[in-house]
Amino acid sequence: MVTFVSNGLGTIYDTEEKDTLAKVAYRIYRNPATEQRGEEWWGSFAIKFPVAELDEYTLEMEDGRKGACSLQMRKVQQITETLIFYHYDLTGIGVLK
């Protein structure tokens, strides 16, 4: 059973460098852990610049929960000549705590 967890404003960090990359508006979903598998969580966000998809990042949610995640670009949306949004899907790595 998929559960909507949260949407809000959070922060994406580079896990290795511990540098803040961006403040993001996110939407997160999760499947609770069962006897057969661990917790799964995923979501999406948009930012105004591209990021490397192969690195591991940390999402800190508005309520203080954190989790490691990987990113995959979904689409590029050009609003005006100078305003571009990069939409990413994120996949949680481990538990969201």
PDB file of N, CA and C in Angstrom:
ATOM      1  N   MET A   1       0.831  -1.181   0.000  1.00  0.00           N
ATOM      2  CA  MET A   1       0.000   0.000   0.000  1.00  0.00           C
ATOM      3  C   MET A   1       0.874   1.243   0.000  1.00  0.00           C
ATOM      4  N   VAL A   2       0.706   2.092  -0.983  1.00  0.00           N
ATOM      5  CA  VAL A   2       1.473   3.333  -1.086  1.00  0.00           C
ATOM      6  C   VAL A   2       0.840   4.373  -0.177  1.00  0.00           C
ATOM      7  N   THR A   3       1.685   5.072   0.563  1.00  0.00           N
ATOM      8  CA  THR A   3       1.229   6.116   1.472  1.00  0.00           C
ATOM      9  C   THR A   3       1.845   7.435   1.066  1.00  0.00           C
ATOM     10  N   PHE A   4       1.009   8.459   0.918  1.00  0.00           N
ATOM     11  CA  PHE A   4       1.530   9.801   0.702  1.00  0.00           C
ATOM     12  C   PHE A   4       2.099  10.259   2.029  1.00  0.00           C
ATOM     13  N   VAL A   5       3.354  10.674   2.038  1.00  0.00           N
ATOM     14  CA  VAL A   5       4.012  11.062   3.276  1.00  0.00           C
ATOM     15  C   VAL A   5       3.961  12.565   3.473  1.00  0.00           C
ATOM     16  N   SER A   6       4.454  13.299   2.498  1.00  0.00           N
ATOM     17  CA  SER A   6       4.579  14.727   2.749  1.00  0.00           C
ATOM     18  C   SER A   6       4.889  15.492   1.474  1.00  0.00           C
ATOM     19  N   ASN A   7       4.517  16.752   1.489  1.00  0.00           N
ATOM     20  CA  ASN A   7       5.061  17.695   0.531  1.00  0.00           C
ATOM     21  C   ASN A   7       5.407  18.944   1.320  1.00  0.00           C
ATOM     22  N   GLY A   8       6.365  19.681   0.856  1.00  0.00           N
ATOM     23  CA  GLY A   8       6.797  20.866   1.576  1.00  0.00           C
ATOM     24  C   GLY A   8       8.094  21.397   1.005  1.00  0.00           C
ATOM     25  N   LEU A   9       8.733  22.249   1.771  1.00  0.00           N
ATOM     26  CA  LEU A   9      10.026  22.805   1.388  1.00  0.00           C
ATOM     27  C   LEU A   9      11.116  22.100   2.178  1.00  0.00           C
ATOM     28  N   GLY A  10      12.133  21.654   1.470  1.00  0.00           N
ATOM     29  CA  GLY A  10      13.236  20.955   2.103  1.00  0.00           C
ATOM     30  C   GLY A  10      14.557  21.386   1.509  1.00  0.00           C
ATOM     31  N   THR A  11      15.596  20.655   1.883  1.00  0.00           N
ATOM     32  CA  THR A  11      16.947  20.962   1.430  1.00  0.00           C
ATOM     33  C   THR A  11      17.587  19.703   0.874  1.00  0.00           C
ATOM     34  N   ILE A  12      18.237  19.841  -0.278  1.00  0.00           N
ATOM     35  CA  ILE A  12      19.025  18.758  -0.858  1.00  0.00           C
ATOM     36  C   ILE A  12      20.492  19.046  -0.552  1.00  0.00           C
ATOM     37  N   TYR A  13      21.168  18.038   0.022  1.00  0.00           N
ATOM     38  CA  TYR A  13      22.594  18.144   0.349  1.00  0.00           C
ATOM     39  C   TYR A  13      23.384  17.143  -0.474  1.00  0.00           C
ATOM     40  N   ASP A  14      24.609  17.500  -0.809  1.00  0.00           N
ATOM     41  CA  ASP A  14      25.564  16.550  -1.362  1.00  0.00           C
ATOM     42  C   ASP A  14      26.037  15.712  -0.179  1.00  0.00           C
ATOM     43  N   THR A  15      25.763  14.416  -0.184  1.00  0.00           N
ATOM     44  CA  THR A  15      26.049  13.555   0.968  1.00  0.00           C
ATOM     45  C   THR A  15      27.525  13.525   1.311  1.00  0.00           C
ATOM     46  N   GLU A  16      28.390  13.422   0.313  1.00  0.00           N
ATOM     47  CA  GLU A  16      29.828  13.339   0.579  1.00  0.00           C
ATOM     48  C   GLU A  16      30.402  14.675   1.029  1.00  0.00           C
ATOM     49  N   GLU A  17      30.051  15.735   0.354  1.00  0.00           N
ATOM     50  CA  GLU A  17      30.612  17.053   0.632  1.00  0.00           C
ATOM     51  C   GLU A  17      29.887  17.776   1.760  1.00  0.00           C
ATOM     52  N   LYS A  18      28.679  17.307   2.079  1.00  0.00           N
ATOM     53  CA  LYS A  18      27.837  17.941   3.089  1.00  0.00           C
ATOM     54  C   LYS A  18      27.520  19.397   2.755  1.00  0.00           C
ATOM     55  N   ASP A  19      27.528  19.704   1.468  1.00  0.00           N
ATOM     56  CA  ASP A  19      27.205  21.051   1.002  1.00  0.00           C
ATOM     57  C   ASP A  19      25.729  21.127   0.648  1.00  0.00           C
ATOM     58  N   THR A  20      25.098  22.242   0.957  1.00  0.00           N
ATOM     59  CA  THR A  20      23.719  22.474   0.553  1.00  0.00           C
ATOM     60  C   THR A  20      23.692  22.771  -0.933  1.00  0.00           C
ATOM     61  N   LEU A  21      22.896  22.015  -1.673  1.00  0.00           N
ATOM     62  CA  LEU A  21      22.756  22.267  -3.104  1.00  0.00           C
ATOM     63  C   LEU A  21      21.627  23.230  -3.378  1.00  0.00           C
ATOM     64  N   ALA A  22      20.479  23.001  -2.739  1.00  0.00           N
ATOM     65  CA  ALA A  22      19.316  23.835  -3.043  1.00  0.00           C
ATOM     66  C   ALA A  22      18.196  23.600  -2.044  1.00  0.00           C
ATOM     67  N   LYS A  23      17.358  24.593  -1.902  1.00  0.00           N
ATOM     68  CA  LYS A  23      16.063  24.453  -1.234  1.00  0.00           C
ATOM     69  C   LYS A  23      15.104  23.977  -2.313  1.00  0.00           C
ATOM     70  N   VAL A  24      14.280  22.990  -2.003  1.00  0.00           N
ATOM     71  CA  VAL A  24      13.392  22.419  -3.013  1.00  0.00           C
ATOM     72  C   VAL A  24      11.983  22.238  -2.458  1.00  0.00           C
ATOM     73  N   ALA A  25      11.011  22.329  -3.332  1.00  0.00           N
ATOM     74  CA  ALA A  25       9.635  21.955  -3.016  1.00  0.00           C
ATOM     75  C   ALA A  25       9.500  20.491  -3.430  1.00  0.00           C
ATOM     76  N   TYR A  26       9.234  19.616  -2.472  1.00  0.00           N
ATOM     77  CA  TYR A  26       9.237  18.180  -2.731  1.00  0.00           C
ATOM     78  C   TYR A  26       7.853  17.580  -2.507  1.00  0.00           C
ATOM     79  N   ARG A  27       7.701  16.363  -3.011  1.00  0.00           N
ATOM     80  CA  ARG A  27       6.534  15.513  -2.748  1.00  0.00           C
ATOM     81  C   ARG A  27       7.094  14.109  -2.533  1.00  0.00           C
ATOM     82  N   ILE A  28       6.762  13.490  -1.403  1.00  0.00           N
ATOM     83  CA  ILE A  28       7.332  12.190  -1.033  1.00  0.00           C
ATOM     84  C   ILE A  28       6.223  11.162  -0.797  1.00  0.00           C
ATOM     85  N   TYR A  29       6.475   9.921  -1.247  1.00  0.00           N
ATOM     86  CA  TYR A  29       5.597   8.780  -1.027  1.00  0.00           C
ATOM     87  C   TYR A  29       6.424   7.669  -0.408  1.00  0.00           C
ATOM     88  N   ARG A  30       5.752   6.696   0.244  1.00  0.00           N
ATOM     89  CA  ARG A  30       6.493   5.559   0.776  1.00  0.00           C
ATOM     90  C   ARG A  30       5.630   4.319   0.862  1.00  0.00           C
ATOM     91  N   ASN A  31       6.293   3.165   0.812  1.00  0.00           N
ATOM     92  CA  ASN A  31       5.703   1.870   1.117  1.00  0.00           C
ATOM     93  C   ASN A  31       6.289   1.451   2.446  1.00  0.00           C
ATOM     94  N   PRO A  32       5.470   1.222   3.471  1.00  0.00           N
ATOM     95  CA  PRO A  32       6.001   0.789   4.763  1.00  0.00           C
ATOM     96  C   PRO A  32       6.703  -0.570   4.641  1.00  0.00           C
ATOM     97  N   ALA A  33       7.609  -0.849   5.567  1.00  0.00           N
ATOM     98  CA  ALA A  33       8.322  -2.124   5.583  1.00  0.00           C
ATOM     99  C   ALA A  33       7.344  -3.271   5.828  1.00  0.00           C
ATOM    100  N   THR A  34       7.649  -4.417   5.224  1.00  0.00           N
ATOM    101  CA  THR A  34       6.892  -5.649   5.452  1.00  0.00           C
ATOM    102  C   THR A  34       7.887  -6.738   5.839  1.00  0.00           C
ATOM    103  N   GLU A  35       7.390  -7.934   6.045  1.00  0.00           N
ATOM    104  CA  GLU A  35       8.285  -9.056   6.355  1.00  0.00           C
ATOM    105  C   GLU A  35       9.179  -9.397   5.169  1.00  0.00           C
ATOM    106  N   GLN A  36       8.725  -9.109   3.951  1.00  0.00           N
ATOM    107  CA  GLN A  36       9.466  -9.472   2.744  1.00  0.00           C
ATOM    108  C   GLN A  36      10.462  -8.397   2.296  1.00  0.00           C
ATOM    109  N   ARG A  37      10.247  -7.148   2.674  1.00  0.00           N
ATOM    110  CA  ARG A  37      11.129  -6.077   2.193  1.00  0.00           C
ATOM    111  C   ARG A  37      11.159  -4.929   3.191  1.00  0.00           C
ATOM    112  N   GLY A  38      12.159  -4.107   3.044  1.00  0.00           N
ATOM    113  CA  GLY A  38      12.286  -2.923   3.887  1.00  0.00           C
ATOM    114  C   GLY A  38      11.432  -1.775   3.367  1.00  0.00           C
ATOM    115  N   GLU A  39      11.466  -0.679   4.091  1.00  0.00           N
ATOM    116  CA  GLU A  39      10.723   0.510   3.676  1.00  0.00           C
ATOM    117  C   GLU A  39      11.241   1.018   2.336  1.00  0.00           C
ATOM    118  N   GLU A  40      10.337   1.464   1.481  1.00  0.00           N
ATOM    119  CA  GLU A  40      10.692   2.096   0.207  1.00  0.00           C
ATOM    120  C   GLU A  40      10.088   3.486   0.200  1.00  0.00           C
ATOM    121  N   TRP A  41      10.861   4.462  -0.267  1.00  0.00           N
ATOM    122  CA  TRP A  41      10.307   5.810  -0.410  1.00  0.00           C
ATOM    123  C   TRP A  41      10.869   6.472  -1.646  1.00  0.00           C
ATOM    124  N   TRP A  42      10.086   7.381  -2.205  1.00  0.00           N
ATOM    125  CA  TRP A  42      10.460   8.049  -3.451  1.00  0.00           C
ATOM    126  C   TRP A  42       9.672   9.343  -3.550  1.00  0.00           C
ATOM    127  N   GLY A  43      10.014  10.150  -4.546  1.00  0.00           N
ATOM    128  CA  GLY A  43       9.292  11.403  -4.719  1.00  0.00           C
ATOM    129  C   GLY A  43       9.833  12.204  -5.881  1.00  0.00           C
ATOM    130  N   SER A  44       9.603  13.514  -5.820  1.00  0.00           N
ATOM    131  CA  SER A  44      10.040  14.389  -6.904  1.00  0.00           C
ATOM    132  C   SER A  44      10.204  15.816  -6.404  1.00  0.00           C
ATOM    133  N   PHE A  45      10.937  16.601  -7.180  1.00  0.00           N
ATOM    134  CA  PHE A  45      11.117  18.030  -6.905  1.00  0.00           C
ATOM    135  C   PHE A  45      11.610  18.709  -8.172  1.00  0.00           C
ATOM    136  N   ALA A  46      11.615  20.034  -8.163  1.00  0.00           N
ATOM    137  CA  ALA A  46      12.132  20.816  -9.292  1.00  0.00           C
ATOM    138  C   ALA A  46      13.069  21.893  -8.756  1.00  0.00           C
ATOM    139  N   ILE A  47      14.152  22.151  -9.485  1.00  0.00           N
ATOM    140  CA  ILE A  47      15.099  23.218  -9.136  1.00  0.00           C
ATOM    141  C   ILE A  47      15.497  23.959 -10.407  1.00  0.00           C
ATOM    142  N   LYS A  48      16.225  25.062 -10.217  1.00  0.00           N
ATOM    143  CA  LYS A  48      16.557  25.937 -11.351  1.00  0.00           C
ATOM    144  C   LYS A  48      17.917  25.653 -11.976  1.00  0.00           C
ATOM    145  N   PHE A  49      18.575  24.559 -11.586  1.00  0.00           N
ATOM    146  CA  PHE A  49      19.859  24.199 -12.193  1.00  0.00           C
ATOM    147  C   PHE A  49      19.997  22.682 -12.198  1.00  0.00           C
ATOM    148  N   PRO A  50      20.771  22.128 -13.136  1.00  0.00           N
ATOM    149  CA  PRO A  50      20.943  20.678 -13.182  1.00  0.00           C
ATOM    150  C   PRO A  50      21.931  20.190 -12.116  1.00  0.00           C
ATOM    151  N   VAL A  51      21.737  18.947 -11.679  1.00  0.00           N
ATOM    152  CA  VAL A  51      22.669  18.311 -10.738  1.00  0.00           C
ATOM    153  C   VAL A  51      23.076  16.958 -11.296  1.00  0.00           C
ATOM    154  N   ALA A  52      24.208  16.449 -10.825  1.00  0.00           N
ATOM    155  CA  ALA A  52      24.702  15.148 -11.285  1.00  0.00           C
ATOM    156  C   ALA A  52      23.764  14.050 -10.802  1.00  0.00           C
ATOM    157  N   GLU A  53      23.392  13.162 -11.685  1.00  0.00           N
ATOM    158  CA  GLU A  53      22.452  12.100 -11.340  1.00  0.00           C
ATOM    159  C   GLU A  53      23.122  10.890 -10.704  1.00  0.00           C
ATOM    160  N   LEU A  54      24.417  10.774 -10.815  1.00  0.00           N
ATOM    161  CA  LEU A  54      25.096   9.574 -10.333  1.00  0.00           C
ATOM    162  C   LEU A  54      25.503   9.660  -8.866  1.00  0.00           C
ATOM    163  N   ASP A  55      25.441  10.831  -8.286  1.00  0.00           N
ATOM    164  CA  ASP A  55      25.862  11.015  -6.904  1.00  0.00           C
ATOM    165  C   ASP A  55      24.735  10.656  -5.938  1.00  0.00           C
ATOM    166  N   GLU A  56      25.117  10.489  -4.668  1.00  0.00           N
ATOM    167  CA  GLU A  56      24.140  10.265  -3.608  1.00  0.00           C
ATOM    168  C   GLU A  56      23.893  11.591  -2.901  1.00  0.00           C
ATOM    169  N   TYR A  57      22.640  11.861  -2.627  1.00  0.00           N
ATOM    170  CA  TYR A  57      22.245  13.104  -1.976  1.00  0.00           C
ATOM    171  C   TYR A  57      21.467  12.798  -0.710  1.00  0.00           C
ATOM    172  N   THR A  58      21.292  13.804   0.120  1.00  0.00           N
ATOM    173  CA  THR A  58      20.450  13.697   1.306  1.00  0.00           C
ATOM    174  C   THR A  58      19.335  14.725   1.185  1.00  0.00           C
ATOM    175  N   LEU A  59      18.112  14.274   1.390  1.00  0.00           N
ATOM    176  CA  LEU A  59      16.965  15.172   1.433  1.00  0.00           C
ATOM    177  C   LEU A  59      16.606  15.395   2.894  1.00  0.00           C
ATOM    178  N   GLU A  60      16.577  16.654   3.315  1.00  0.00           N
ATOM    179  CA  GLU A  60      16.068  16.982   4.647  1.00  0.00           C
ATOM    180  C   GLU A  60      14.699  17.622   4.445  1.00  0.00           C
ATOM    181  N   MET A  61      13.697  16.983   5.013  1.00  0.00           N
ATOM    182  CA  MET A  61      12.332  17.451   4.833  1.00  0.00           C
ATOM    183  C   MET A  61      12.001  18.574   5.808  1.00  0.00           C
ATOM    184  N   GLU A  62      10.907  19.242   5.548  1.00  0.00           N
ATOM    185  CA  GLU A  62      10.461  20.388   6.339  1.00  0.00           C
ATOM    186  C   GLU A  62      10.289  20.032   7.816  1.00  0.00           C
ATOM    187  N   ASP A  63       9.871  18.785   8.111  1.00  0.00           N
ATOM    188  CA  ASP A  63       9.647  18.369   9.494  1.00  0.00           C
ATOM    189  C   ASP A  63      10.906  17.820  10.170  1.00  0.00           C
ATOM    190  N   GLY A  64      12.060  17.895   9.478  1.00  0.00           N
ATOM    191  CA  GLY A  64      13.322  17.466  10.071  1.00  0.00           C
ATOM    192  C   GLY A  64      13.757  16.061   9.705  1.00  0.00           C
ATOM    193  N   ARG A  65      12.879  15.258   9.107  1.00  0.00           N
ATOM    194  CA  ARG A  65      13.288  13.911   8.698  1.00  0.00           C
ATOM    195  C   ARG A  65      14.297  14.004   7.567  1.00  0.00           C
ATOM    196  N   LYS A  66      15.194  13.018   7.512  1.00  0.00           N
ATOM    197  CA  LYS A  66      16.242  12.984   6.489  1.00  0.00           C
ATOM    198  C   LYS A  66      16.335  11.591   5.895  1.00  0.00           C
ATOM    199  N   GLY A  67      16.847  11.549   4.664  1.00  0.00           N
ATOM    200  CA  GLY A  67      17.103  10.275   4.028  1.00  0.00           C
ATOM    201  C   GLY A  67      18.027  10.440   2.843  1.00  0.00           C
ATOM    202  N   ALA A  68      18.852   9.427   2.623  1.00  0.00           N
ATOM    203  CA  ALA A  68      19.726   9.411   1.455  1.00  0.00           C
ATOM    204  C   ALA A  68      18.896   9.053   0.230  1.00  0.00           C
ATOM    205  N   CYS A  69      19.269   9.601  -0.916  1.00  0.00           N
ATOM    206  CA  CYS A  69      18.512   9.334  -2.144  1.00  0.00           C
ATOM    207  C   CYS A  69      19.397   9.476  -3.371  1.00  0.00           C
ATOM    208  N   SER A  70      18.932   8.878  -4.452  1.00  0.00           N
ATOM    209  CA  SER A  70      19.554   9.084  -5.756  1.00  0.00           C
ATOM    210  C   SER A  70      18.561   9.852  -6.608  1.00  0.00           C
ATOM    211  N   LEU A  71      19.064  10.548  -7.626  1.00  0.00           N
ATOM    212  CA  LEU A  71      18.237  11.413  -8.462  1.00  0.00           C
ATOM    213  C   LEU A  71      18.274  10.976  -9.915  1.00  0.00           C
ATOM    214  N   GLN A  72      17.164  11.198 -10.607  1.00  0.00           N
ATOM    215  CA  GLN A  72      17.115  10.979 -12.046  1.00  0.00           C
ATOM    216  C   GLN A  72      16.275  12.098 -12.648  1.00  0.00           C
ATOM    217  N   MET A  73      16.858  12.804 -13.634  1.00  0.00           N
ATOM    218  CA  MET A  73      16.137  13.902 -14.263  1.00  0.00           C
ATOM    219  C   MET A  73      14.954  13.347 -15.054  1.00  0.00           C
ATOM    220  N   ARG A  74      13.799  13.956 -14.834  1.00  0.00           N
ATOM    221  CA  ARG A  74      12.580  13.557 -15.539  1.00  0.00           C
ATOM    222  C   ARG A  74      12.333  14.435 -16.746  1.00  0.00           C
ATOM    223  N   LYS A  75      12.470  15.768 -16.574  1.00  0.00           N
ATOM    224  CA  LYS A  75      12.249  16.662 -17.711  1.00  0.00           C
ATOM    225  C   LYS A  75      12.842  18.030 -17.419  1.00  0.00           C
ATOM    226  N   VAL A  76      13.029  18.790 -18.489  1.00  0.00           N
ATOM    227  CA  VAL A  76      13.465  20.183 -18.400  1.00  0.00           C
ATOM    228  C   VAL A  76      12.296  21.017 -18.884  1.00  0.00           C
ATOM    229  N   GLN A  77      11.920  22.012 -18.093  1.00  0.00           N
ATOM    230  CA  GLN A  77      10.774  22.859 -18.424  1.00  0.00           C
ATOM    231  C   GLN A  77      11.244  24.296 -18.568  1.00  0.00           C
ATOM    232  N   GLN A  78      11.178  24.811 -19.782  1.00  0.00           N
ATOM    233  CA  GLN A  78      11.581  26.196 -20.022  1.00  0.00           C
ATOM    234  C   GLN A  78      10.342  27.076 -19.949  1.00  0.00           C
ATOM    235  N   ILE A  79      10.308  27.935 -18.931  1.00  0.00           N
ATOM    236  CA  ILE A  79       9.173  28.826 -18.717  1.00  0.00           C
ATOM    237  C   ILE A  79       9.314  30.078 -19.582  1.00  0.00           C
ATOM    238  N   THR A  80      10.485  30.701 -19.509  1.00  0.00           N
ATOM    239  CA  THR A  80      10.815  31.853 -20.341  1.00  0.00           C
ATOM    240  C   THR A  80      12.215  31.619 -20.873  1.00  0.00           C
ATOM    241  N   GLU A  81      12.738  32.564 -21.598  1.00  0.00           N
ATOM    242  CA  GLU A  81      14.085  32.418 -22.144  1.00  0.00           C
ATOM    243  C   GLU A  81      15.138  32.227 -21.050  1.00  0.00           C
ATOM    244  N   THR A  82      14.923  32.825 -19.893  1.00  0.00           N
ATOM    245  CA  THR A  82      15.916  32.754 -18.815  1.00  0.00           C
ATOM    246  C   THR A  82      15.466  31.940 -17.607  1.00  0.00           C
ATOM    247  N   LEU A  83      14.213  31.489 -17.556  1.00  0.00           N
ATOM    248  CA  LEU A  83      13.709  30.714 -16.419  1.00  0.00           C
ATOM    249  C   LEU A  83      13.474  29.274 -16.846  1.00  0.00           C
ATOM    250  N   ILE A  84      14.315  28.388 -16.312  1.00  0.00           N
ATOM    251  CA  ILE A  84      14.263  26.969 -16.646  1.00  0.00           C
ATOM    252  C   ILE A  84      14.174  26.168 -15.350  1.00  0.00           C
ATOM    253  N   PHE A  85      13.291  25.170 -15.300  1.00  0.00           N
ATOM    254  CA  PHE A  85      13.196  24.268 -14.160  1.00  0.00           C
ATOM    255  C   PHE A  85      13.626  22.876 -14.582  1.00  0.00           C
ATOM    256  N   TYR A  86      14.400  22.229 -13.737  1.00  0.00           N
ATOM    257  CA  TYR A  86      14.849  20.857 -13.931  1.00  0.00           C
ATOM    258  C   TYR A  86      14.072  19.989 -12.949  1.00  0.00           C
ATOM    259  N   HIS A  87      13.274  19.072 -13.482  1.00  0.00           N
ATOM    260  CA  HIS A  87      12.431  18.213 -12.653  1.00  0.00           C
ATOM    261  C   HIS A  87      13.137  16.878 -12.428  1.00  0.00           C
ATOM    262  N   TYR A  88      13.214  16.461 -11.175  1.00  0.00           N
ATOM    263  CA  TYR A  88      13.900  15.229 -10.806  1.00  0.00           C
ATOM    264  C   TYR A  88      12.969  14.281 -10.062  1.00  0.00           C
ATOM    265  N   ASP A  89      13.149  13.003 -10.322  1.00  0.00           N
ATOM    266  CA  ASP A  89      12.560  11.951  -9.497  1.00  0.00           C
ATOM    267  C   ASP A  89      13.656  11.518  -8.534  1.00  0.00           C
ATOM    268  N   LEU A  90      13.279  11.240  -7.304  1.00  0.00           N
ATOM    269  CA  LEU A  90      14.263  10.746  -6.350  1.00  0.00           C
ATOM    270  C   LEU A  90      13.828   9.389  -5.839  1.00  0.00           C
ATOM    271  N   THR A  91      14.815   8.541  -5.564  1.00  0.00           N
ATOM    272  CA  THR A  91      14.583   7.213  -5.011  1.00  0.00           C
ATOM    273  C   THR A  91      15.337   7.126  -3.706  1.00  0.00           C
ATOM    274  N   GLY A  92      14.605   6.817  -2.644  1.00  0.00           N
ATOM    275  CA  GLY A  92      15.220   6.714  -1.319  1.00  0.00           C
ATOM    276  C   GLY A  92      16.172   5.547  -1.229  1.00  0.00           C
ATOM    277  N   ILE A  93      17.231   5.744  -0.462  1.00  0.00           N
ATOM    278  CA  ILE A  93      18.221   4.694  -0.180  1.00  0.00           C
ATOM    279  C   ILE A  93      18.161   4.475   1.327  1.00  0.00           C
ATOM    280  N   GLY A  94      17.606   3.344   1.736  1.00  0.00           N
ATOM    281  CA  GLY A  94      17.472   3.093   3.162  1.00  0.00           C
ATOM    282  C   GLY A  94      16.219   3.737   3.734  1.00  0.00           C
ATOM    283  N   VAL A  95      16.247   3.940   5.035  1.00  0.00           N
ATOM    284  CA  VAL A  95      15.073   4.413   5.774  1.00  0.00           C
ATOM    285  C   VAL A  95      15.034   5.939   5.818  1.00  0.00           C
ATOM    286  N   LEU A  96      13.842   6.468   5.735  1.00  0.00           N
ATOM    287  CA  LEU A  96      13.611   7.894   5.894  1.00  0.00           C
ATOM    288  C   LEU A  96      13.371   8.127   7.383  1.00  0.00           C
ATOM    289  N   LYS A  97      14.284   8.873   8.035  1.00  0.00           N
ATOM    290  CA  LYS A  97      14.130   9.062   9.498  1.00  0.00           C
ATOM    291  C   LYS A  97      14.240  10.500   9.910  1.00  0.00           C
TER     292      LYS A  97
END
